[in-house]
Amino acid sequence: MLLNPEIMHEISLVRTIFRTLADNFSTEELDRVVVIELKVGPLANVEPVLMQNAFEAVVEEEEARFRKATLQVNTVPVLVHCPACDQTSEVQQYRFVCGNCGNPCANVVQGNELLIERVVFRD
C-alpha cells in the first residue's frame, strides 16, 4: 500500500509522534501502548480525520508495534486573553476579539497546540 499524498503533512506529524514516544519510553512500554491522546487546537493546521487516516497508514506500513493502539484527537477551542479587561474568552468564527469587552485581541493562550496529552498502556 502506498501512503496517500493528500495526508503527507499528517503522516509526517504521526512519524514525529512515534519518534517522540520512542525517545521517552522503553521498547517494552511501547509494545503495551493502547491509546495515544493528542491535544490539538484549530490553529495547529491539523485535521483530526486526516490525522486518524495518517495514523492508520503509518501503523500499517511502518509501525506494526502500534497496531493495537488507537489515536484519540482531542480538540480544544482558540482562547484569547484580553489585556484591556483581563478576561479570557473563546474566539468565535476566527474573529479575534475579546468576548467580554469587544476589543481586538491577538493574545492567543490556547488553540495552537499539537501535544501528546496522554499515553495509555495495557497492564
PDB file of N, CA and C in Angstrom:
ATOM      1  N   MET A   1       0.834  -1.179   0.000  1.00  0.00           N
ATOM      2  CA  MET A   1       0.000   0.000   0.000  1.00  0.00           C
ATOM      3  C   MET A   1       0.882   1.246   0.000  1.00  0.00           C
ATOM      4  N   LEU A   2       0.592   2.183  -0.856  1.00  0.00           N
ATOM      5  CA  LEU A   2       1.316   3.441  -0.904  1.00  0.00           C
ATOM      6  C   LEU A   2       0.642   4.445   0.017  1.00  0.00           C
ATOM      7  N   LEU A   3       1.451   5.287   0.643  1.00  0.00           N
ATOM      8  CA  LEU A   3       0.893   6.300   1.522  1.00  0.00           C
ATOM      9  C   LEU A   3       0.234   7.394   0.691  1.00  0.00           C
ATOM     10  N   ASN A   4      -0.904   7.822   1.108  1.00  0.00           N
ATOM     11  CA  ASN A   4      -1.711   8.809   0.399  1.00  0.00           C
ATOM     12  C   ASN A   4      -1.033  10.176   0.414  1.00  0.00           C
ATOM     13  N   PRO A   5      -0.744  10.748  -0.767  1.00  0.00           N
ATOM     14  CA  PRO A   5      -0.074  12.057  -0.792  1.00  0.00           C
ATOM     15  C   PRO A   5      -0.925  13.189  -0.220  1.00  0.00           C
ATOM     16  N   GLU A   6      -2.235  13.006  -0.141  1.00  0.00           N
ATOM     17  CA  GLU A   6      -3.114  14.045   0.399  1.00  0.00           C
ATOM     18  C   GLU A   6      -2.959  14.230   1.903  1.00  0.00           C
ATOM     19  N   ILE A   7      -2.354  13.249   2.566  1.00  0.00           N
ATOM     20  CA  ILE A   7      -2.192  13.349   4.020  1.00  0.00           C
ATOM     21  C   ILE A   7      -0.716  13.350   4.428  1.00  0.00           C
ATOM     22  N   MET A   8       0.155  13.775   3.530  1.00  0.00           N
ATOM     23  CA  MET A   8       1.590  13.738   3.819  1.00  0.00           C
ATOM     24  C   MET A   8       1.957  14.599   5.033  1.00  0.00           C
ATOM     25  N   HIS A   9       1.312  15.745   5.206  1.00  0.00           N
ATOM     26  CA  HIS A   9       1.590  16.587   6.378  1.00  0.00           C
ATOM     27  C   HIS A   9       1.280  15.817   7.656  1.00  0.00           C
ATOM     28  N   GLU A  10       0.119  15.200   7.702  1.00  0.00           N
ATOM     29  CA  GLU A  10      -0.279  14.445   8.883  1.00  0.00           C
ATOM     30  C   GLU A  10       0.590  13.205   9.072  1.00  0.00           C
ATOM     31  N   ILE A  11       0.992  12.580   7.971  1.00  0.00           N
ATOM     32  CA  ILE A  11       1.890  11.424   8.070  1.00  0.00           C
ATOM     33  C   ILE A  11       3.202  11.839   8.729  1.00  0.00           C
ATOM     34  N   SER A  12       3.731  12.973   8.338  1.00  0.00           N
ATOM     35  CA  SER A  12       4.952  13.490   8.947  1.00  0.00           C
ATOM     36  C   SER A  12       4.748  13.738  10.443  1.00  0.00           C
ATOM     37  N   LEU A  13       3.600  14.279  10.805  1.00  0.00           N
ATOM     38  CA  LEU A  13       3.297  14.523  12.217  1.00  0.00           C
ATOM     39  C   LEU A  13       3.202  13.214  12.998  1.00  0.00           C
ATOM     40  N   VAL A  14       2.553  12.208  12.422  1.00  0.00           N
ATOM     41  CA  VAL A  14       2.425  10.908  13.095  1.00  0.00           C
ATOM     42  C   VAL A  14       3.807  10.289  13.294  1.00  0.00           C
ATOM     43  N   ARG A  15       4.650  10.377  12.295  1.00  0.00           N
ATOM     44  CA  ARG A  15       6.015   9.852  12.441  1.00  0.00           C
ATOM     45  C   ARG A  15       6.751  10.571  13.567  1.00  0.00           C
ATOM     46  N   THR A  16       6.558  11.871  13.670  1.00  0.00           N
ATOM     47  CA  THR A  16       7.182  12.646  14.746  1.00  0.00           C
ATOM     48  C   THR A  16       6.638  12.209  16.104  1.00  0.00           C
ATOM     49  N   ILE A  17       5.351  11.947  16.182  1.00  0.00           N
ATOM     50  CA  ILE A  17       4.747  11.456  17.430  1.00  0.00           C
ATOM     51  C   ILE A  17       5.385  10.132  17.824  1.00  0.00           C
ATOM     52  N   PHE A  18       5.533   9.221  16.873  1.00  0.00           N
ATOM     53  CA  PHE A  18       6.142   7.925  17.173  1.00  0.00           C
ATOM     54  C   PHE A  18       7.598   8.077  17.603  1.00  0.00           C
ATOM     55  N   ARG A  19       8.338   8.994  16.971  1.00  0.00           N
ATOM     56  CA  ARG A  19       9.727   9.240  17.387  1.00  0.00           C
ATOM     57  C   ARG A  19       9.774   9.802  18.805  1.00  0.00           C
ATOM     58  N   THR A  20       8.855  10.697  19.117  1.00  0.00           N
ATOM     59  CA  THR A  20       8.795  11.272  20.463  1.00  0.00           C
ATOM     60  C   THR A  20       8.512  10.185  21.496  1.00  0.00           C
ATOM     61  N   LEU A  21       7.576   9.310  21.180  1.00  0.00           N
ATOM     62  CA  LEU A  21       7.280   8.201  22.095  1.00  0.00           C
ATOM     63  C   LEU A  21       8.499   7.306  22.270  1.00  0.00           C
ATOM     64  N   ALA A  22       9.185   6.999  21.164  1.00  0.00           N
ATOM     65  CA  ALA A  22      10.372   6.137  21.221  1.00  0.00           C
ATOM     66  C   ALA A  22      11.485   6.779  22.053  1.00  0.00           C
ATOM     67  N   ASP A  23      11.563   8.103  22.026  1.00  0.00           N
ATOM     68  CA  ASP A  23      12.580   8.811  22.810  1.00  0.00           C
ATOM     69  C   ASP A  23      12.261   8.827  24.304  1.00  0.00           C
ATOM     70  N   ASN A  24      10.997   8.593  24.652  1.00  0.00           N
ATOM     71  CA  ASN A  24      10.578   8.743  26.047  1.00  0.00           C
ATOM     72  C   ASN A  24      10.170   7.458  26.746  1.00  0.00           C
ATOM     73  N   PHE A  25       9.985   6.383  25.967  1.00  0.00           N
ATOM     74  CA  PHE A  25       9.554   5.120  26.565  1.00  0.00           C
ATOM     75  C   PHE A  25      10.425   3.972  26.076  1.00  0.00           C
ATOM     76  N   SER A  26      10.503   2.936  26.888  1.00  0.00           N
ATOM     77  CA  SER A  26      11.275   1.748  26.513  1.00  0.00           C
ATOM     78  C   SER A  26      10.521   0.950  25.448  1.00  0.00           C
ATOM     79  N   THR A  27      11.225   0.038  24.809  1.00  0.00           N
ATOM     80  CA  THR A  27      10.606  -0.834  23.811  1.00  0.00           C
ATOM     81  C   THR A  27       9.473  -1.636  24.437  1.00  0.00           C
ATOM     82  N   GLU A  28       9.686  -2.109  25.641  1.00  0.00           N
ATOM     83  CA  GLU A  28       8.649  -2.894  26.324  1.00  0.00           C
ATOM     84  C   GLU A  28       7.406  -2.037  26.582  1.00  0.00           C
ATOM     85  N   GLU A  29       7.612  -0.796  26.982  1.00  0.00           N
ATOM     86  CA  GLU A  29       6.477   0.106  27.211  1.00  0.00           C
ATOM     87  C   GLU A  29       5.749   0.405  25.905  1.00  0.00           C
ATOM     88  N   LEU A  30       6.495   0.657  24.852  1.00  0.00           N
ATOM     89  CA  LEU A  30       5.874   0.961  23.561  1.00  0.00           C
ATOM     90  C   LEU A  30       5.023  -0.196  23.052  1.00  0.00           C
ATOM     91  N   ASP A  31       5.451  -1.410  23.332  1.00  0.00           N
ATOM     92  CA  ASP A  31       4.679  -2.585  22.907  1.00  0.00           C
ATOM     93  C   ASP A  31       3.368  -2.718  23.671  1.00  0.00           C
ATOM     94  N   ARG A  32       3.208  -1.970  24.767  1.00  0.00           N
ATOM     95  CA  ARG A  32       1.984  -2.033  25.579  1.00  0.00           C
ATOM     96  C   ARG A  32       1.076  -0.822  25.393  1.00  0.00           C
ATOM     97  N   VAL A  33       1.389   0.069  24.459  1.00  0.00           N
ATOM     98  CA  VAL A  33       0.568   1.260  24.228  1.00  0.00           C
ATOM     99  C   VAL A  33      -0.775   0.846  23.630  1.00  0.00           C
ATOM    100  N   VAL A  34      -1.868   1.341  24.241  1.00  0.00           N
ATOM    101  CA  VAL A  34      -3.210   1.059  23.706  1.00  0.00           C
ATOM    102  C   VAL A  34      -3.930   2.325  23.254  1.00  0.00           C
ATOM    103  N   VAL A  35      -3.576   3.471  23.814  1.00  0.00           N
ATOM    104  CA  VAL A  35      -4.198   4.735  23.414  1.00  0.00           C
ATOM    105  C   VAL A  35      -3.141   5.833  23.418  1.00  0.00           C
ATOM    106  N   ILE A  36      -3.154   6.625  22.356  1.00  0.00           N
ATOM    107  CA  ILE A  36      -2.338   7.835  22.291  1.00  0.00           C
ATOM    108  C   ILE A  36      -3.316   8.990  22.152  1.00  0.00           C
ATOM    109  N   GLU A  37      -3.329   9.868  23.151  1.00  0.00           N
ATOM    110  CA  GLU A  37      -4.247  11.008  23.123  1.00  0.00           C
ATOM    111  C   GLU A  37      -3.482  12.268  22.753  1.00  0.00           C
ATOM    112  N   LEU A  38      -4.006  12.980  21.771  1.00  0.00           N
ATOM    113  CA  LEU A  38      -3.428  14.249  21.355  1.00  0.00           C
ATOM    114  C   LEU A  38      -4.337  15.393  21.770  1.00  0.00           C
ATOM    115  N   LYS A  39      -3.746  16.513  22.034  1.00  0.00           N
ATOM    116  CA  LYS A  39      -4.479  17.764  22.280  1.00  0.00           C
ATOM    117  C   LYS A  39      -4.157  18.664  21.091  1.00  0.00           C
ATOM    118  N   VAL A  40      -5.196  19.023  20.326  1.00  0.00           N
ATOM    119  CA  VAL A  40      -4.994  19.749  19.074  1.00  0.00           C
ATOM    120  C   VAL A  40      -5.904  20.973  19.033  1.00  0.00           C
ATOM    121  N   GLY A  41      -5.300  22.107  18.725  1.00  0.00           N
ATOM    122  CA  GLY A  41      -6.054  23.337  18.552  1.00  0.00           C
ATOM    123  C   GLY A  41      -6.281  23.627  17.079  1.00  0.00           C
ATOM    124  N   PRO A  42      -7.308  24.404  16.765  1.00  0.00           N
ATOM    125  CA  PRO A  42      -7.624  24.722  15.371  1.00  0.00           C
ATOM    126  C   PRO A  42      -6.513  25.465  14.628  1.00  0.00           C
ATOM    127  N   LEU A  43      -5.647  26.140  15.345  1.00  0.00           N
ATOM    128  CA  LEU A  43      -4.570  26.891  14.702  1.00  0.00           C
ATOM    129  C   LEU A  43      -3.335  26.039  14.438  1.00  0.00           C
ATOM    130  N   ALA A  44      -3.377  24.755  14.778  1.00  0.00           N
ATOM    131  CA  ALA A  44      -2.232  23.856  14.601  1.00  0.00           C
ATOM    132  C   ALA A  44      -2.116  23.311  13.181  1.00  0.00           C
ATOM    133  N   ASN A  45      -3.079  23.644  12.336  1.00  0.00           N
ATOM    134  CA  ASN A  45      -3.054  23.186  10.945  1.00  0.00           C
ATOM    135  C   ASN A  45      -3.107  21.662  10.854  1.00  0.00           C
ATOM    136  N   VAL A  46      -3.977  21.069  11.658  1.00  0.00           N
ATOM    137  CA  VAL A  46      -4.149  19.621  11.683  1.00  0.00           C
ATOM    138  C   VAL A  46      -5.629  19.300  11.568  1.00  0.00           C
ATOM    139  N   GLU A  47      -5.961  18.420  10.648  1.00  0.00           N
ATOM    140  CA  GLU A  47      -7.333  17.928  10.508  1.00  0.00           C
ATOM    141  C   GLU A  47      -7.444  16.606  11.261  1.00  0.00           C
ATOM    142  N   PRO A  48      -8.300  16.530  12.292  1.00  0.00           N
ATOM    143  CA  PRO A  48      -8.402  15.291  13.070  1.00  0.00           C
ATOM    144  C   PRO A  48      -8.675  14.041  12.225  1.00  0.00           C
ATOM    145  N   VAL A  49      -9.548  14.132  11.239  1.00  0.00           N
ATOM    146  CA  VAL A  49      -9.863  12.958  10.408  1.00  0.00           C
ATOM    147  C   VAL A  49      -8.640  12.534   9.599  1.00  0.00           C
ATOM    148  N   LEU A  50      -7.934  13.511   9.052  1.00  0.00           N
ATOM    149  CA  LEU A  50      -6.723  13.192   8.290  1.00  0.00           C
ATOM    150  C   LEU A  50      -5.639  12.634   9.208  1.00  0.00           C
ATOM    151  N   MET A  51      -5.591  13.119  10.439  1.00  0.00           N
ATOM    152  CA  MET A  51      -4.628  12.603  11.406  1.00  0.00           C
ATOM    153  C   MET A  51      -4.917  11.135  11.704  1.00  0.00           C
ATOM    154  N   GLN A  52      -6.192  10.792  11.860  1.00  0.00           N
ATOM    155  CA  GLN A  52      -6.576   9.393  12.080  1.00  0.00           C
ATOM    156  C   GLN A  52      -6.162   8.527  10.893  1.00  0.00           C
ATOM    157  N   ASN A  53      -6.435   9.027   9.674  1.00  0.00           N
ATOM    158  CA  ASN A  53      -6.067   8.278   8.471  1.00  0.00           C
ATOM    159  C   ASN A  53      -4.556   8.103   8.376  1.00  0.00           C
ATOM    160  N   ALA A  54      -3.818   9.141   8.698  1.00  0.00           N
ATOM    161  CA  ALA A  54      -2.360   9.066   8.660  1.00  0.00           C
ATOM    162  C   ALA A  54      -1.845   8.072   9.700  1.00  0.00           C
ATOM    163  N   PHE A  55      -2.432   8.107  10.888  1.00  0.00           N
ATOM    164  CA  PHE A  55      -2.047   7.176  11.940  1.00  0.00           C
ATOM    165  C   PHE A  55      -2.220   5.737  11.457  1.00  0.00           C
ATOM    166  N   GLU A  56      -3.377   5.442  10.891  1.00  0.00           N
ATOM    167  CA  GLU A  56      -3.641   4.085  10.395  1.00  0.00           C
ATOM    168  C   GLU A  56      -2.679   3.697   9.281  1.00  0.00           C
ATOM    169  N   ALA A  57      -2.376   4.624   8.383  1.00  0.00           N
ATOM    170  CA  ALA A  57      -1.468   4.331   7.276  1.00  0.00           C
ATOM    171  C   ALA A  57      -0.050   4.057   7.768  1.00  0.00           C
ATOM    172  N   VAL A  58       0.439   4.881   8.690  1.00  0.00           N
ATOM    173  CA  VAL A  58       1.797   4.699   9.200  1.00  0.00           C
ATOM    174  C   VAL A  58       1.889   3.415  10.018  1.00  0.00           C
ATOM    175  N   VAL A  59       0.890   3.125  10.816  1.00  0.00           N
ATOM    176  CA  VAL A  59       0.890   1.888  11.591  1.00  0.00           C
ATOM    177  C   VAL A  59       0.910   0.686  10.644  1.00  0.00           C
ATOM    178  N   GLU A  60       0.112   0.737   9.603  1.00  0.00           N
ATOM    179  CA  GLU A  60       0.042  -0.371   8.645  1.00  0.00           C
ATOM    180  C   GLU A  60       1.369  -0.572   7.913  1.00  0.00           C
ATOM    181  N   GLU A  61       2.012   0.519   7.526  1.00  0.00           N
ATOM    182  CA  GLU A  61       3.208   0.444   6.686  1.00  0.00           C
ATOM    183  C   GLU A  61       4.529   0.410   7.447  1.00  0.00           C
ATOM    184  N   GLU A  62       4.585   1.056   8.621  1.00  0.00           N
ATOM    185  CA  GLU A  62       5.889   1.276   9.251  1.00  0.00           C
ATOM    186  C   GLU A  62       5.982   0.903  10.729  1.00  0.00           C
ATOM    187  N   GLU A  63       4.924   1.013  11.463  1.00  0.00           N
ATOM    188  CA  GLU A  63       4.993   0.890  12.922  1.00  0.00           C
ATOM    189  C   GLU A  63       4.038  -0.177  13.446  1.00  0.00           C
ATOM    190  N   ALA A  64       4.338  -1.423  13.114  1.00  0.00           N
ATOM    191  CA  ALA A  64       3.447  -2.530  13.478  1.00  0.00           C
ATOM    192  C   ALA A  64       3.239  -2.637  14.985  1.00  0.00           C
ATOM    193  N   ARG A  65       4.196  -2.180  15.770  1.00  0.00           N
ATOM    194  CA  ARG A  65       4.065  -2.300  17.232  1.00  0.00           C
ATOM    195  C   ARG A  65       2.845  -1.542  17.772  1.00  0.00           C
ATOM    196  N   PHE A  66       2.337  -0.572  16.994  1.00  0.00           N
ATOM    197  CA  PHE A  66       1.193   0.229  17.443  1.00  0.00           C
ATOM    198  C   PHE A  66      -0.133  -0.259  16.859  1.00  0.00           C
ATOM    199  N   ARG A  67      -0.161  -1.457  16.290  1.00  0.00           N
ATOM    200  CA  ARG A  67      -1.401  -1.966  15.676  1.00  0.00           C
ATOM    201  C   ARG A  67      -2.543  -2.112  16.669  1.00  0.00           C
ATOM    202  N   LYS A  68      -2.230  -2.338  17.928  1.00  0.00           N
ATOM    203  CA  LYS A  68      -3.285  -2.476  18.933  1.00  0.00           C
ATOM    204  C   LYS A  68      -3.624  -1.141  19.588  1.00  0.00           C
ATOM    205  N   ALA A  69      -2.946  -0.084  19.158  1.00  0.00           N
ATOM    206  CA  ALA A  69      -3.173   1.237  19.739  1.00  0.00           C
ATOM    207  C   ALA A  69      -4.191   2.015  18.913  1.00  0.00           C
ATOM    208  N   THR A  70      -4.861   2.929  19.591  1.00  0.00           N
ATOM    209  CA  THR A  70      -5.761   3.846  18.903  1.00  0.00           C
ATOM    210  C   THR A  70      -5.278   5.269  19.150  1.00  0.00           C
ATOM    211  N   LEU A  71      -5.605   6.123  18.202  1.00  0.00           N
ATOM    212  CA  LEU A  71      -5.276   7.532  18.323  1.00  0.00           C
ATOM    213  C   LEU A  71      -6.549   8.279  18.672  1.00  0.00           C
ATOM    214  N   GLN A  72      -6.484   9.072  19.707  1.00  0.00           N
ATOM    215  CA  GLN A  72      -7.622   9.898  20.109  1.00  0.00           C
ATOM    216  C   GLN A  72      -7.198  11.351  19.986  1.00  0.00           C
ATOM    217  N   VAL A  73      -7.901  12.096  19.133  1.00  0.00           N
ATOM    218  CA  VAL A  73      -7.581  13.503  18.909  1.00  0.00           C
ATOM    219  C   VAL A  73      -8.604  14.358  19.655  1.00  0.00           C
ATOM    220  N   ASN A  74      -8.140  15.033  20.689  1.00  0.00           N
ATOM    221  CA  ASN A  74      -8.994  15.907  21.488  1.00  0.00           C
ATOM    222  C   ASN A  74      -8.780  17.343  21.030  1.00  0.00           C
ATOM    223  N   THR A  75      -9.817  17.938  20.490  1.00  0.00           N
ATOM    224  CA  THR A  75      -9.685  19.310  20.008  1.00  0.00           C
ATOM    225  C   THR A  75     -10.070  20.291  21.111  1.00  0.00           C
ATOM    226  N   VAL A  76      -9.364  21.412  21.114  1.00  0.00           N
ATOM    227  CA  VAL A  76      -9.625  22.476  22.081  1.00  0.00           C
ATOM    228  C   VAL A  76      -9.916  23.758  21.312  1.00  0.00           C
ATOM    229  N   PRO A  77     -10.724  24.649  21.865  1.00  0.00           N
ATOM    230  CA  PRO A  77     -11.036  25.901  21.163  1.00  0.00           C
ATOM    231  C   PRO A  77      -9.888  26.903  21.252  1.00  0.00           C
ATOM    232  N   VAL A  78      -9.952  27.904  20.406  1.00  0.00           N
ATOM    233  CA  VAL A  78      -8.998  29.015  20.479  1.00  0.00           C
ATOM    234  C   VAL A  78      -9.474  29.953  21.584  1.00  0.00           C
ATOM    235  N   LEU A  79      -8.575  30.254  22.509  1.00  0.00           N
ATOM    236  CA  LEU A  79      -8.853  31.212  23.576  1.00  0.00           C
ATOM    237  C   LEU A  79      -7.874  32.370  23.468  1.00  0.00           C
ATOM    238  N   VAL A  80      -8.370  33.576  23.732  1.00  0.00           N
ATOM    239  CA  VAL A  80      -7.525  34.770  23.769  1.00  0.00           C
ATOM    240  C   VAL A  80      -7.676  35.427  25.135  1.00  0.00           C
ATOM    241  N   HIS A  81      -6.603  36.072  25.558  1.00  0.00           N
ATOM    242  CA  HIS A  81      -6.641  36.823  26.817  1.00  0.00           C
ATOM    243  C   HIS A  81      -6.533  38.305  26.476  1.00  0.00           C
ATOM    244  N   CYS A  82      -7.489  39.069  26.942  1.00  0.00           N
ATOM    245  CA  CYS A  82      -7.572  40.491  26.641  1.00  0.00           C
ATOM    246  C   CYS A  82      -6.813  41.305  27.690  1.00  0.00           C
ATOM    247  N   PRO A  83      -5.803  42.065  27.264  1.00  0.00           N
ATOM    248  CA  PRO A  83      -5.092  42.897  28.232  1.00  0.00           C
ATOM    249  C   PRO A  83      -5.921  44.094  28.700  1.00  0.00           C
ATOM    250  N   ALA A  84      -6.915  44.497  27.923  1.00  0.00           N
ATOM    251  CA  ALA A  84      -7.728  45.666  28.289  1.00  0.00           C
ATOM    252  C   ALA A  84      -8.625  45.375  29.490  1.00  0.00           C
ATOM    253  N   CYS A  85      -9.272  44.206  29.490  1.00  0.00           N
ATOM    254  CA  CYS A  85     -10.198  43.898  30.595  1.00  0.00           C
ATOM    255  C   CYS A  85      -9.762  42.688  31.423  1.00  0.00           C
ATOM    256  N   ASP A  86      -8.601  42.109  31.089  1.00  0.00           N
ATOM    257  CA  ASP A  86      -8.028  40.984  31.830  1.00  0.00           C
ATOM    258  C   ASP A  86      -8.950  39.761  31.845  1.00  0.00           C
ATOM    259  N   GLN A  87      -9.651  39.520  30.747  1.00  0.00           N
ATOM    260  CA  GLN A  87     -10.546  38.371  30.639  1.00  0.00           C
ATOM    261  C   GLN A  87     -10.063  37.440  29.522  1.00  0.00           C
ATOM    262  N   THR A  88     -10.340  36.154  29.682  1.00  0.00           N
ATOM    263  CA  THR A  88     -10.044  35.156  28.657  1.00  0.00           C
ATOM    264  C   THR A  88     -11.368  34.735  28.046  1.00  0.00           C
ATOM    265  N   SER A  89     -11.402  34.672  26.710  1.00  0.00           N
ATOM    266  CA  SER A  89     -12.639  34.283  26.035  1.00  0.00           C
ATOM    267  C   SER A  89     -12.324  33.451  24.804  1.00  0.00           C
ATOM    268  N   GLU A  90     -13.344  32.731  24.350  1.00  0.00           N
ATOM    269  CA  GLU A  90     -13.213  31.860  23.185  1.00  0.00           C
ATOM    270  C   GLU A  90     -13.402  32.659  21.900  1.00  0.00           C
ATOM    271  N   VAL A  91     -12.553  32.402  20.930  1.00  0.00           N
ATOM    272  CA  VAL A  91     -12.653  33.034  19.616  1.00  0.00           C
ATOM    273  C   VAL A  91     -13.797  32.357  18.854  1.00  0.00           C
ATOM    274  N   GLN A  92     -14.669  33.153  18.284  1.00  0.00           N
ATOM    275  CA  GLN A  92     -15.795  32.644  17.508  1.00  0.00           C
ATOM    276  C   GLN A  92     -15.585  32.995  16.044  1.00  0.00           C
ATOM    277  N   GLN A  93     -15.694  32.016  15.167  1.00  0.00           N
ATOM    278  CA  GLN A  93     -15.606  32.208  13.713  1.00  0.00           C
ATOM    279  C   GLN A  93     -14.333  32.967  13.317  1.00  0.00           C
ATOM    280  N   TYR A  94     -13.249  32.672  13.988  1.00  0.00           N
ATOM    281  CA  TYR A  94     -11.935  33.264  13.719  1.00  0.00           C
ATOM    282  C   TYR A  94     -11.928  34.796  13.816  1.00  0.00           C
ATOM    283  N   ARG A  95     -12.833  35.331  14.618  1.00  0.00           N
ATOM    284  CA  ARG A  95     -12.834  36.769  14.923  1.00  0.00           C
ATOM    285  C   ARG A  95     -12.085  36.938  16.246  1.00  0.00           C
ATOM    286  N   PHE A  96     -10.892  37.490  16.163  1.00  0.00           N
ATOM    287  CA  PHE A  96     -10.034  37.627  17.327  1.00  0.00           C
ATOM    288  C   PHE A  96     -10.358  38.914  18.073  1.00  0.00           C
ATOM    289  N   VAL A  97     -11.474  38.869  18.786  1.00  0.00           N
ATOM    290  CA  VAL A  97     -11.913  39.974  19.627  1.00  0.00           C
ATOM    291  C   VAL A  97     -12.263  39.414  20.999  1.00  0.00           C
ATOM    292  N   CYS A  98     -12.145  40.250  21.997  1.00  0.00           N
ATOM    293  CA  CYS A  98     -12.491  39.855  23.355  1.00  0.00           C
ATOM    294  C   CYS A  98     -13.994  39.625  23.439  1.00  0.00           C
ATOM    295  N   GLY A  99     -14.379  38.477  23.978  1.00  0.00           N
ATOM    296  CA  GLY A  99     -15.792  38.171  24.156  1.00  0.00           C
ATOM    297  C   GLY A  99     -16.440  38.982  25.262  1.00  0.00           C
ATOM    298  N   ASN A 100     -15.635  39.627  26.085  1.00  0.00           N
ATOM    299  CA  ASN A 100     -16.153  40.428  27.190  1.00  0.00           C
ATOM    300  C   ASN A 100     -16.325  41.902  26.802  1.00  0.00           C
ATOM    301  N   CYS A 101     -15.246  42.525  26.297  1.00  0.00           N
ATOM    302  CA  CYS A 101     -15.300  43.966  26.025  1.00  0.00           C
ATOM    303  C   CYS A 101     -15.348  44.315  24.538  1.00  0.00           C
ATOM    304  N   GLY A 102     -15.111  43.324  23.677  1.00  0.00           N
ATOM    305  CA  GLY A 102     -15.193  43.560  22.237  1.00  0.00           C
ATOM    306  C   GLY A 102     -13.952  44.138  21.589  1.00  0.00           C
ATOM    307  N   ASN A 103     -12.890  44.382  22.355  1.00  0.00           N
ATOM    308  CA  ASN A 103     -11.657  44.912  21.789  1.00  0.00           C
ATOM    309  C   ASN A 103     -10.953  43.843  20.943  1.00  0.00           C
ATOM    310  N   PRO A 104     -10.267  44.249  19.858  1.00  0.00           N
ATOM    311  CA  PRO A 104      -9.453  43.299  19.102  1.00  0.00           C
ATOM    312  C   PRO A 104      -8.423  42.665  20.034  1.00  0.00           C
ATOM    313  N   CYS A 105      -8.173  41.387  19.830  1.00  0.00           N
ATOM    314  CA  CYS A 105      -7.288  40.677  20.749  1.00  0.00           C
ATOM    315  C   CYS A 105      -6.553  39.570  19.997  1.00  0.00           C
ATOM    316  N   ALA A 106      -5.234  39.635  19.999  1.00  0.00           N
ATOM    317  CA  ALA A 106      -4.420  38.622  19.321  1.00  0.00           C
ATOM    318  C   ALA A 106      -3.584  37.804  20.297  1.00  0.00           C
ATOM    319  N   ASN A 107      -3.829  37.943  21.591  1.00  0.00           N
ATOM    320  CA  ASN A 107      -3.060  37.235  22.609  1.00  0.00           C
ATOM    321  C   ASN A 107      -3.629  35.820  22.794  1.00  0.00           C
ATOM    322  N   VAL A 108      -3.246  34.909  21.911  1.00  0.00           N
ATOM    323  CA  VAL A 108      -3.759  33.537  21.934  1.00  0.00           C
ATOM    324  C   VAL A 108      -3.119  32.785  23.098  1.00  0.00           C
ATOM    325  N   VAL A 109      -3.962  32.231  23.963  1.00  0.00           N
ATOM    326  CA  VAL A 109      -3.467  31.459  25.105  1.00  0.00           C
ATOM    327  C   VAL A 109      -3.786  29.970  24.963  1.00  0.00           C
ATOM    328  N   GLN A 110      -4.600  29.622  23.984  1.00  0.00           N
ATOM    329  CA  GLN A 110      -4.911  28.226  23.681  1.00  0.00           C
ATOM    330  C   GLN A 110      -5.430  28.161  22.260  1.00  0.00           C
ATOM    331  N   GLY A 111      -5.074  27.056  21.583  1.00  0.00           N
ATOM    332  CA  GLY A 111      -5.619  26.847  20.249  1.00  0.00           C
ATOM    333  C   GLY A 111      -4.595  26.544  19.187  1.00  0.00           C
ATOM    334  N   ASN A 112      -3.297  26.683  19.519  1.00  0.00           N
ATOM    335  CA  ASN A 112      -2.281  26.351  18.535  1.00  0.00           C
ATOM    336  C   ASN A 112      -1.498  25.097  18.927  1.00  0.00           C
ATOM    337  N   GLU A 113      -2.025  24.329  19.878  1.00  0.00           N
ATOM    338  CA  GLU A 113      -1.341  23.146  20.391  1.00  0.00           C
ATOM    339  C   GLU A 113      -1.402  21.973  19.407  1.00  0.00           C
ATOM    340  N   LEU A 114      -0.357  21.196  19.441  1.00  0.00           N
ATOM    341  CA  LEU A 114      -0.347  19.832  18.922  1.00  0.00           C
ATOM    342  C   LEU A 114       0.542  19.072  19.898  1.00  0.00           C
ATOM    343  N   LEU A 115      -0.093  18.516  20.922  1.00  0.00           N
ATOM    344  CA  LEU A 115       0.628  17.901  22.033  1.00  0.00           C
ATOM    345  C   LEU A 115       0.198  16.461  22.245  1.00  0.00           C
ATOM    346  N   ILE A 116       1.147  15.635  22.652  1.00  0.00           N
ATOM    347  CA  ILE A 116       0.791  14.310  23.150  1.00  0.00           C
ATOM    348  C   ILE A 116       0.318  14.554  24.576  1.00  0.00           C
ATOM    349  N   GLU A 117      -0.976  14.409  24.769  1.00  0.00           N
ATOM    350  CA  GLU A 117      -1.565  14.731  26.069  1.00  0.00           C
ATOM    351  C   GLU A 117      -1.451  13.570  27.059  1.00  0.00           C
ATOM    352  N   ARG A 118      -1.615  12.352  26.531  1.00  0.00           N
ATOM    353  CA  ARG A 118      -1.587  11.188  27.424  1.00  0.00           C
ATOM    354  C   ARG A 118      -1.316   9.931  26.610  1.00  0.00           C
ATOM    355  N   VAL A 119      -0.627   8.992  27.216  1.00  0.00           N
ATOM    356  CA  VAL A 119      -0.390   7.682  26.618  1.00  0.00           C
ATOM    357  C   VAL A 119      -0.901   6.652  27.605  1.00  0.00           C
ATOM    358  N   VAL A 120      -1.741   5.744  27.128  1.00  0.00           N
ATOM    359  CA  VAL A 120      -2.320   4.706  27.992  1.00  0.00           C
ATOM    360  C   VAL A 120      -1.682   3.370  27.623  1.00  0.00           C
ATOM    361  N   PHE A 121      -1.259   2.631  28.661  1.00  0.00           N
ATOM    362  CA  PHE A 121      -0.629   1.325  28.480  1.00  0.00           C
ATOM    363  C   PHE A 121      -1.531   0.230  29.019  1.00  0.00           C
ATOM    364  N   ARG A 122      -1.491  -0.928  28.384  1.00  0.00           N
ATOM    365  CA  ARG A 122      -2.225  -2.074  28.944  1.00  0.00           C
ATOM    366  C   ARG A 122      -1.374  -2.682  30.054  1.00  0.00           C
ATOM    367  N   ASP A 123      -2.037  -3.354  30.985  1.00  0.00           N
ATOM    368  CA  ASP A 123      -1.316  -3.962  32.132  1.00  0.00           C
ATOM    369  C   ASP A 123      -0.474  -5.120  31.699  1.00  0.00           C
TER     370      ASP A 123
END
